[in-house]
Amino acid sequence: MIPQKIDLDALAQALTAPFVMHPVGQVDHFGVYLYLASGVLQRHRHATQDELFYVHDGALSLETDWGQALLHRHEFAVVPRGLNHASGSLVRTTVLFFQLRGDPERKNGHGRLSAADRPDGLPTWSVLEQAAAAQAPYRALPLATVDEMSLRVLRAEGATPWHRHDLHDEMVYVVEGQLAIGSEMGPLLVRAGELLVLPRRRIHRLVATTPSVVVTLVHGEVSPEEQMGG
């Protein structure tokens, strides 16, 4: 079966109810959702789960005990478990939201943050800035960890070797340009604003005829070199 791609731009335009999670993919035990942020959610925390907020379009404000962060298009932040936070927006904003489904392999103490854990503000990342600094095509750069998963960015140009991941799924989200994903079922063209999940054990390769920017989500056990077929 050929993986089904999701047109995030079209889905984002169709959203009308704020803060309703729309599933767009599952990577291993991790859920990927799209929602409309309009207004403010009250302050809260999660004792056993990290959360990753990625702005697909618009601007999202995050208020946390580590300080405030304002995220714009293709910027994201991770709110670790145990951190009090509130989110919201005064303009129409669509957000990709990443959070584990269920509660696998939890360890004691994960729901607590001490004063020593506090950084100087909530860390944020710009995907486009990180991609511009990439030195070579298909060198997946890990940016942030959310629970066991790794969010990475890469500059795609040319083709990777044919490869597969036997134990883990892989999310592919094209930010700029377009990417042809080859598999034994035939090629699938993924354009900017589209997302799909490659299931484990699927033989595939990535092909870009023009420079493109791609965000991926994969289990942290998969090294960046292995992820690209190295």
Protein backbone atom coordinates (compact mmCIF):
# COMPACT_ATOMS: atom_id res chain seq x y z
CA MET A 1 0.00 0.00 0.00
CA ILE A 2 1.36 3.44 -0.98
CA PRO A 3 1.64 5.85 2.01
CA GLN A 4 -1.03 8.54 1.94
CA LYS A 5 0.16 12.13 1.97
CA ILE A 6 -1.69 14.86 3.84
CA ASP A 7 -2.12 18.34 2.32
CA LEU A 8 -1.60 20.43 5.46
CA ASP A 9 -2.28 23.71 3.66
CA ALA A 10 -5.72 22.54 2.52
CA LEU A 11 -6.55 21.07 5.93
CA ALA A 12 -5.40 24.23 7.70
CA GLN A 13 -7.68 26.40 5.56
CA ALA A 14 -10.66 24.18 6.38
CA LEU A 15 -10.27 24.37 10.17
CA THR A 16 -12.96 26.38 11.96
CA ALA A 17 -13.14 25.11 15.56
CA PRO A 18 -10.23 26.28 17.75
CA PHE A 19 -8.07 23.84 19.73
CA VAL A 20 -9.57 20.69 18.20
CA MET A 21 -6.85 18.17 17.40
CA HIS A 22 -7.02 16.67 13.89
CA PRO A 23 -4.80 13.55 13.52
CA VAL A 24 -2.54 13.73 10.47
CA GLY A 25 -0.17 10.85 11.20
CA GLN A 26 1.27 8.38 13.66
CA VAL A 27 5.01 7.73 13.92
CA ASP A 28 5.67 4.67 16.08
CA HIS A 29 3.68 5.44 19.25
CA PHE A 30 3.74 9.19 18.57
CA GLY A 31 0.77 11.20 17.33
CA VAL A 32 0.99 14.14 14.92
CA TYR A 33 -1.95 16.56 14.91
CA LEU A 34 -2.98 19.85 13.29
CA TYR A 35 -5.13 22.37 15.13
CA LEU A 36 -6.35 25.93 14.89
CA ALA A 37 -5.11 28.24 17.65
CA SER A 38 -7.50 31.11 18.30
CA GLY A 39 -7.77 32.58 21.78
CA VAL A 40 -5.91 31.25 24.82
CA LEU A 41 -5.76 27.91 26.63
CA GLN A 42 -5.51 28.10 30.41
CA ARG A 43 -2.24 27.33 32.15
CA HIS A 44 -1.54 23.64 32.81
CA ARG A 45 1.21 21.00 32.76
CA HIS A 46 1.64 17.34 31.80
CA ALA A 47 3.40 15.08 34.30
CA THR A 48 4.47 12.33 31.91
CA GLN A 49 4.54 13.77 28.37
CA ASP A 50 6.59 16.28 26.42
CA GLU A 51 4.82 18.42 23.80
CA LEU A 52 6.18 19.97 20.62
CA PHE A 53 4.45 23.00 19.09
CA TYR A 54 5.35 23.73 15.43
CA VAL A 55 3.76 26.75 13.76
CA HIS A 56 2.53 25.80 10.29
CA ASP A 57 1.19 29.30 9.68
CA GLY A 58 0.57 32.39 11.81
CA ALA A 59 2.05 33.17 15.23
CA LEU A 60 1.74 31.28 18.52
CA SER A 61 2.49 32.62 21.99
CA LEU A 62 3.78 30.21 24.65
CA GLU A 63 3.75 31.37 28.28
CA THR A 64 5.79 29.11 30.58
CA ASP A 65 7.55 29.15 33.92
CA TRP A 66 10.75 29.48 31.85
CA GLY A 67 9.49 32.65 30.19
CA GLN A 68 7.54 33.59 27.09
CA ALA A 69 8.22 32.60 23.48
CA LEU A 70 6.56 33.87 20.30
CA LEU A 71 6.72 31.37 17.44
CA HIS A 72 6.18 32.27 13.79
CA ARG A 73 5.86 30.16 10.62
CA HIS A 74 8.19 27.13 10.66
CA GLU A 75 9.40 27.86 14.18
CA PHE A 76 8.85 25.44 17.06
CA ALA A 77 9.48 24.79 20.73
CA VAL A 78 9.32 21.78 23.05
CA VAL A 79 7.49 22.08 26.36
CA PRO A 80 8.95 19.35 28.58
CA ARG A 81 6.85 17.33 30.98
CA GLY A 82 6.28 19.06 34.29
CA LEU A 83 6.54 22.61 32.90
CA ASN A 84 3.52 24.86 33.47
CA HIS A 85 2.48 26.56 30.26
CA ALA A 86 -0.32 28.28 28.36
CA SER A 87 -0.62 28.82 24.62
CA GLY A 88 -2.70 31.03 22.39
CA SER A 89 -2.90 33.42 19.48
CA LEU A 90 -4.68 36.64 18.56
CA VAL A 91 -4.42 35.90 14.82
CA ARG A 92 -5.46 32.84 12.84
CA THR A 93 -2.71 30.30 13.49
CA THR A 94 -2.40 26.64 12.60
CA VAL A 95 -0.10 24.46 14.64
CA LEU A 96 1.42 21.02 14.15
CA PHE A 97 1.36 19.32 17.53
CA PHE A 98 3.45 16.29 18.49
CA GLN A 99 2.72 14.14 21.55
CA LEU A 100 3.03 10.46 22.42
CA ARG A 101 -0.07 8.29 22.43
CA GLY A 102 -0.36 6.20 25.58
CA ASP A 103 2.28 6.10 28.27
CA PRO A 104 5.02 3.60 27.31
CA GLU A 105 8.13 2.84 29.37
CA ARG A 106 7.81 5.67 31.86
CA LYS A 107 10.47 6.09 34.55
CA ASN A 108 10.10 7.55 38.03
CA GLY A 109 10.64 11.28 38.42
CA HIS A 110 9.88 12.32 34.84
CA GLY A 111 7.08 14.63 35.96
CA ARG A 112 9.26 16.90 38.10
CA LEU A 113 11.44 19.85 37.17
CA SER A 114 13.93 21.32 39.64
CA ALA A 115 15.44 24.80 39.69
CA ALA A 116 18.59 23.32 38.13
CA ASP A 117 16.57 22.27 35.07
CA ARG A 118 15.60 25.84 34.22
CA PRO A 119 17.35 27.29 31.16
CA ASP A 120 17.59 30.98 30.29
CA GLY A 121 14.20 31.11 28.60
CA LEU A 122 12.26 28.52 26.61
CA PRO A 123 14.45 27.20 23.75
CA THR A 124 13.03 27.73 20.26
CA TRP A 125 14.17 26.74 16.76
CA SER A 126 13.69 28.13 13.25
CA VAL A 127 13.63 25.35 10.67
CA LEU A 128 14.48 27.66 7.77
CA GLU A 129 17.48 29.17 9.56
CA GLN A 130 18.81 25.74 10.47
CA ALA A 131 18.31 24.43 6.93
CA ALA A 132 20.15 27.42 5.46
CA ALA A 133 23.17 26.54 7.60
CA ALA A 134 23.23 22.89 6.44
CA GLN A 135 26.58 22.10 4.85
CA ALA A 136 25.63 19.09 2.73
CA PRO A 137 22.46 17.59 1.21
CA TYR A 138 20.73 14.79 3.11
CA ARG A 139 22.63 15.39 6.32
CA ALA A 140 19.78 15.15 8.83
CA LEU A 141 20.36 17.67 11.62
CA PRO A 142 18.69 16.78 14.96
CA LEU A 143 17.14 19.92 16.40
CA ALA A 144 15.04 18.78 19.35
CA THR A 145 13.94 15.70 21.25
CA VAL A 146 10.35 15.17 22.35
CA ASP A 147 10.14 12.10 24.57
CA GLU A 148 11.93 9.34 22.59
CA MET A 149 11.48 11.02 19.20
CA SER A 150 13.89 13.26 17.29
CA LEU A 151 12.76 16.17 15.12
CA ARG A 152 15.31 16.81 12.37
CA VAL A 153 15.77 19.12 9.39
CA LEU A 154 17.64 18.45 6.17
CA ARG A 155 18.37 20.06 2.85
CA ALA A 156 17.37 17.69 0.07
CA GLU A 157 19.09 17.71 -3.32
CA GLY A 158 19.86 14.69 -5.47
CA ALA A 159 19.00 11.21 -4.19
CA THR A 160 19.63 9.04 -1.14
CA PRO A 161 20.50 5.34 -1.45
CA TRP A 162 17.63 2.84 -1.29
CA HIS A 163 17.15 1.85 2.34
CA ARG A 164 14.61 0.89 4.99
CA HIS A 165 14.10 1.16 8.75
CA ASP A 166 13.14 -2.20 10.22
CA LEU A 167 11.98 -1.03 13.66
CA HIS A 168 10.71 2.52 13.27
CA ASP A 169 8.39 4.70 11.17
CA GLU A 170 9.50 8.03 9.70
CA MET A 171 7.54 11.24 9.13
CA VAL A 172 8.46 13.41 6.14
CA TYR A 173 7.15 17.01 5.96
CA VAL A 174 8.22 19.14 3.00
CA VAL A 175 8.67 22.79 3.99
CA GLU A 176 10.12 24.18 0.74
CA GLY A 177 10.46 22.66 -2.73
CA GLN A 178 9.30 19.14 -3.45
CA LEU A 179 10.46 15.59 -2.82
CA ALA A 180 9.89 12.40 -4.79
CA ILE A 181 9.72 9.39 -2.50
CA GLY A 182 10.45 6.19 -4.32
CA SER A 183 9.30 2.79 -3.08
CA GLU A 184 8.57 -0.66 -4.42
CA MET A 185 5.02 0.61 -5.02
CA GLY A 186 6.24 3.44 -7.29
CA PRO A 187 7.15 7.12 -6.79
CA LEU A 188 5.11 9.60 -4.79
CA LEU A 189 5.63 13.36 -5.18
CA VAL A 190 5.37 15.35 -1.94
CA ARG A 191 5.15 19.11 -2.38
CA ALA A 192 5.67 21.98 0.06
CA GLY A 193 2.97 21.93 2.74
CA GLU A 194 2.43 18.17 2.47
CA LEU A 195 3.27 15.44 4.98
CA LEU A 196 3.37 11.66 5.00
CA VAL A 197 4.53 8.82 7.23
CA LEU A 198 6.76 6.07 5.84
CA PRO A 199 5.96 2.82 7.69
CA ARG A 200 8.77 0.67 9.04
CA ARG A 201 10.25 -1.98 6.73
CA ARG A 202 9.24 0.02 3.62
CA ILE A 203 12.15 0.17 1.16
CA HIS A 204 12.43 3.75 -0.08
CA ARG A 205 14.66 6.59 -1.19
CA LEU A 206 14.33 10.38 -1.32
CA VAL A 207 14.89 12.29 -4.57
CA ALA A 208 14.94 16.08 -5.03
CA THR A 209 15.66 17.63 -8.43
CA THR A 210 15.83 21.13 -6.89
CA PRO A 211 17.04 22.20 -3.41
CA SER A 212 14.28 21.51 -0.88
CA VAL A 213 13.82 21.78 2.88
CA VAL A 214 12.41 18.77 4.72
CA VAL A 215 11.47 18.19 8.37
CA THR A 216 11.46 14.62 9.66
CA LEU A 217 10.37 12.90 12.85
CA VAL A 218 11.94 9.55 13.72
CA HIS A 219 12.83 7.58 16.83
CA GLY A 220 16.02 8.78 18.47
CA GLU A 221 17.53 5.30 18.16
CA VAL A 222 17.85 5.88 14.41
CA SER A 223 21.08 7.78 13.74
CA PRO A 224 21.03 10.62 11.19
CA GLU A 225 23.33 8.60 8.91
CA GLU A 226 21.15 5.49 9.11
CA GLN A 227 18.03 7.57 8.54
CA MET A 228 19.37 8.74 5.16
CA GLY A 229 20.53 5.28 4.09
CA GLY A 230 24.13 5.50 5.29
